[in-house]
Amino acid sequence: MAAISVLMPVRDCSLYLPEAIDSLLAQTFEDFEVLIYDDGSIDETRSIIASYAKRDSRILPIFGRQGRGIVHALNHLLEKATGQYVARMDGDDRSLPSRLEAQIRLARELSAKAIVFGASECIDESGNSLGFSASPDSDFMFHLAYRNPFIHPTLFMNRLMLKKYGYRNLPFAE
């Protein structure tokens, strides 16, 4: 059982997936598993996932049928997760090397019901910065009523709390 389960639903993201997985494998905190659900990719995504799974036992591939969607994938991954905490990541995201270490430290300091999240830097296909997406501010409750204020690849939370509610299809978020 790992301390952190990273949930990564993917589909046809072979162009960016190696960088996403490499950024996780370069984490300063090493007690984690990466559950990757492939939603029926038709590019090289499946072979990339299989290749990483052969090299690192923390990579746990799940190959689904095409078109089940991100909510199905996330709930399936959540059922398979064993970590006390869940971190989210997509196949075209990158994490800074200290992400998991910083987030688990903060979550443990706050409480078992904490949701840790933050800002992100958006980059183009060449890795050039397009600017930062700010994390919710003091108007958090206002934003929560009208849009998803969380930047998904920065989310980190207690697995049992998330499992209690699960992922659902909403107009503006999962």
Protein backbone atom coordinates (compact mmCIF):
# COMPACT_ATOMS: atom_id res chain seq x y z
CA MET A 1 0.00 0.00 0.00
CA ALA A 2 1.41 3.36 -1.06
CA ALA A 3 0.99 6.62 0.82
CA ILE A 4 -0.23 8.37 -2.35
CA SER A 5 -2.19 7.11 -5.33
CA VAL A 6 -1.82 9.27 -8.42
CA LEU A 7 -4.88 8.94 -10.67
CA MET A 8 -4.20 9.53 -14.37
CA PRO A 9 -6.95 9.01 -16.94
CA VAL A 10 -5.58 9.19 -20.50
CA ARG A 11 -6.63 8.86 -24.11
CA ASP A 12 -4.48 9.43 -27.19
CA CYS A 13 -1.81 11.48 -25.43
CA SER A 14 1.35 9.72 -26.59
CA LEU A 15 2.97 13.03 -27.45
CA TYR A 16 3.03 14.24 -23.83
CA LEU A 17 2.65 11.10 -21.71
CA PRO A 18 6.37 10.26 -21.31
CA GLU A 19 7.04 13.71 -19.83
CA ALA A 20 4.06 13.37 -17.50
CA ILE A 21 5.18 9.97 -16.21
CA ASP A 22 8.84 11.04 -15.98
CA SER A 23 7.84 14.04 -13.86
CA LEU A 24 6.17 11.67 -11.41
CA LEU A 25 9.06 9.23 -11.33
CA ALA A 26 11.38 12.15 -10.51
CA GLN A 27 9.47 13.05 -7.33
CA THR A 28 11.44 13.64 -4.12
CA PHE A 29 8.69 11.72 -2.26
CA GLU A 30 8.79 8.13 -3.51
CA ASP A 31 6.02 6.25 -1.66
CA PHE A 32 3.35 6.45 -4.36
CA GLU A 33 1.63 4.47 -7.08
CA VAL A 34 0.53 5.79 -10.46
CA LEU A 35 -2.72 4.28 -11.70
CA ILE A 36 -3.14 5.02 -15.39
CA TYR A 37 -6.48 4.28 -17.06
CA ASP A 38 -6.29 4.26 -20.85
CA ASP A 39 -9.71 4.96 -22.35
CA GLY A 40 -9.16 3.10 -25.62
CA SER A 41 -6.31 5.06 -27.18
CA ILE A 42 -5.60 4.51 -30.87
CA ASP A 43 -2.15 6.12 -30.84
CA GLU A 44 0.97 4.83 -29.03
CA THR A 45 -0.38 5.64 -25.54
CA ARG A 46 -0.94 2.00 -24.56
CA SER A 47 2.55 0.88 -25.53
CA ILE A 48 4.08 3.83 -23.64
CA ILE A 49 2.14 2.90 -20.51
CA ALA A 50 3.12 -0.78 -20.84
CA SER A 51 6.78 0.17 -21.30
CA TYR A 52 6.83 2.28 -18.13
CA ALA A 53 4.96 -0.41 -16.17
CA LYS A 54 7.66 -2.94 -17.06
CA ARG A 55 10.39 -0.60 -15.79
CA ASP A 56 8.75 0.66 -12.59
CA SER A 57 6.37 -1.35 -10.40
CA ARG A 58 4.71 1.87 -9.18
CA ILE A 59 3.08 2.27 -12.62
CA LEU A 60 -0.19 0.32 -12.65
CA PRO A 61 -1.87 0.26 -16.08
CA ILE A 62 -5.56 -0.31 -16.67
CA PHE A 63 -6.64 -0.67 -20.28
CA GLY A 64 -10.31 0.13 -20.80
CA ARG A 65 -12.63 0.20 -23.77
CA GLN A 66 -12.80 3.34 -25.86
CA GLY A 67 -15.25 6.06 -25.03
CA ARG A 68 -16.16 5.36 -21.41
CA GLY A 69 -15.10 8.90 -20.49
CA ILE A 70 -13.07 10.63 -17.80
CA VAL A 71 -15.63 10.23 -15.00
CA HIS A 72 -15.80 6.46 -15.53
CA ALA A 73 -11.99 6.31 -15.67
CA LEU A 74 -11.55 8.36 -12.48
CA ASN A 75 -14.07 6.31 -10.51
CA HIS A 76 -12.46 3.07 -11.73
CA LEU A 77 -9.02 4.36 -10.70
CA LEU A 78 -10.37 5.48 -7.34
CA GLU A 79 -11.68 1.96 -6.68
CA LYS A 80 -8.22 0.50 -7.40
CA ALA A 81 -6.28 3.14 -5.42
CA THR A 82 -4.64 2.04 -2.16
CA GLY A 83 -2.99 5.25 -0.94
CA GLN A 84 -4.19 7.26 2.00
CA TYR A 85 -4.10 10.27 -0.32
CA VAL A 86 -5.02 10.78 -3.95
CA ALA A 87 -3.25 13.13 -6.34
CA ARG A 88 -4.64 13.99 -9.77
CA MET A 89 -2.71 14.24 -12.97
CA ASP A 90 -3.52 14.12 -16.66
CA GLY A 91 -1.42 12.66 -19.46
CA ASP A 92 -0.40 16.10 -20.67
CA ASP A 93 0.59 17.50 -17.24
CA ARG A 94 3.95 17.75 -15.53
CA SER A 95 4.61 17.90 -11.81
CA LEU A 96 7.44 19.74 -10.16
CA PRO A 97 9.84 17.32 -8.40
CA SER A 98 8.71 18.31 -4.89
CA ARG A 99 4.96 18.36 -5.62
CA LEU A 100 3.98 15.17 -3.78
CA GLU A 101 6.34 15.84 -0.88
CA ALA A 102 4.94 19.35 -0.34
CA GLN A 103 1.32 18.27 -0.72
CA ILE A 104 1.46 15.31 1.65
CA ARG A 105 3.24 17.42 4.25
CA LEU A 106 0.57 20.13 4.01
CA ALA A 107 -2.31 17.63 4.04
CA ARG A 108 -0.94 15.95 7.15
CA GLU A 109 -0.54 19.31 8.87
CA LEU A 110 -4.07 20.50 8.05
CA SER A 111 -6.36 17.51 8.66
CA ALA A 112 -7.58 14.23 7.28
CA LYS A 113 -10.34 16.09 5.41
CA ALA A 114 -8.07 18.60 3.72
CA ILE A 115 -8.06 19.24 0.00
CA VAL A 116 -4.73 20.63 -1.09
CA PHE A 117 -4.53 22.50 -4.38
CA GLY A 118 -2.69 25.36 -5.94
CA ALA A 119 -1.70 27.32 -9.00
CA SER A 120 -0.27 25.92 -12.20
CA GLU A 121 1.90 27.15 -15.03
CA CYS A 122 0.45 26.67 -18.51
CA ILE A 123 2.96 25.78 -21.22
CA ASP A 124 2.77 25.28 -24.96
CA GLU A 125 3.87 22.22 -26.97
CA SER A 126 7.50 23.39 -26.81
CA GLY A 127 7.49 23.92 -23.04
CA ASN A 128 7.33 27.71 -23.24
CA SER A 129 5.41 29.41 -20.45
CA LEU A 130 2.00 30.84 -21.33
CA GLY A 131 1.47 32.20 -17.82
CA PHE A 132 0.11 31.01 -14.52
CA SER A 133 -3.37 29.95 -13.48
CA ALA A 134 -4.03 31.28 -10.03
CA SER A 135 -5.42 29.15 -7.27
CA PRO A 136 -8.73 30.24 -5.70
CA ASP A 137 -8.51 33.32 -3.54
CA SER A 138 -10.65 34.75 -0.76
CA ASP A 139 -13.70 34.54 -3.04
CA PHE A 140 -13.41 30.77 -3.05
CA MET A 141 -17.01 30.07 -2.00
CA PHE A 142 -18.32 32.44 -4.67
CA HIS A 143 -16.26 30.69 -7.34
CA LEU A 144 -17.35 27.27 -6.08
CA ALA A 145 -21.00 28.16 -6.77
CA TYR A 146 -20.40 29.11 -10.41
CA ARG A 147 -17.40 27.21 -11.71
CA ASN A 148 -14.83 24.65 -10.76
CA PRO A 149 -12.23 26.67 -8.82
CA PHE A 150 -9.76 23.78 -8.65
CA ILE A 151 -6.94 23.26 -11.10
CA HIS A 152 -7.27 19.51 -11.55
CA PRO A 153 -3.57 18.58 -11.85
CA THR A 154 -2.88 20.30 -8.52
CA LEU A 155 -5.54 18.42 -6.52
CA PHE A 156 -4.47 16.27 -3.58
CA MET A 157 -6.93 14.86 -1.06
CA ASN A 158 -7.82 12.11 1.36
CA ARG A 159 -8.80 9.00 -0.64
CA LEU A 160 -11.60 7.89 1.70
CA MET A 161 -13.18 11.34 1.63
CA LEU A 162 -13.06 11.40 -2.17
CA LYS A 163 -14.35 7.82 -2.38
CA LYS A 164 -17.36 8.80 -0.28
CA TYR A 165 -18.50 11.23 -2.99
CA GLY A 166 -16.75 9.93 -6.11
CA TYR A 167 -16.55 11.67 -9.45
CA ARG A 168 -19.70 12.76 -11.31
CA ASN A 169 -20.50 14.41 -14.61
CA LEU A 170 -21.27 18.06 -13.92
CA PRO A 171 -21.74 20.88 -16.42
CA PHE A 172 -18.40 22.48 -15.59
CA ALA A 173 -16.33 19.79 -13.90
CA GLU A 174 -15.96 16.18 -12.87
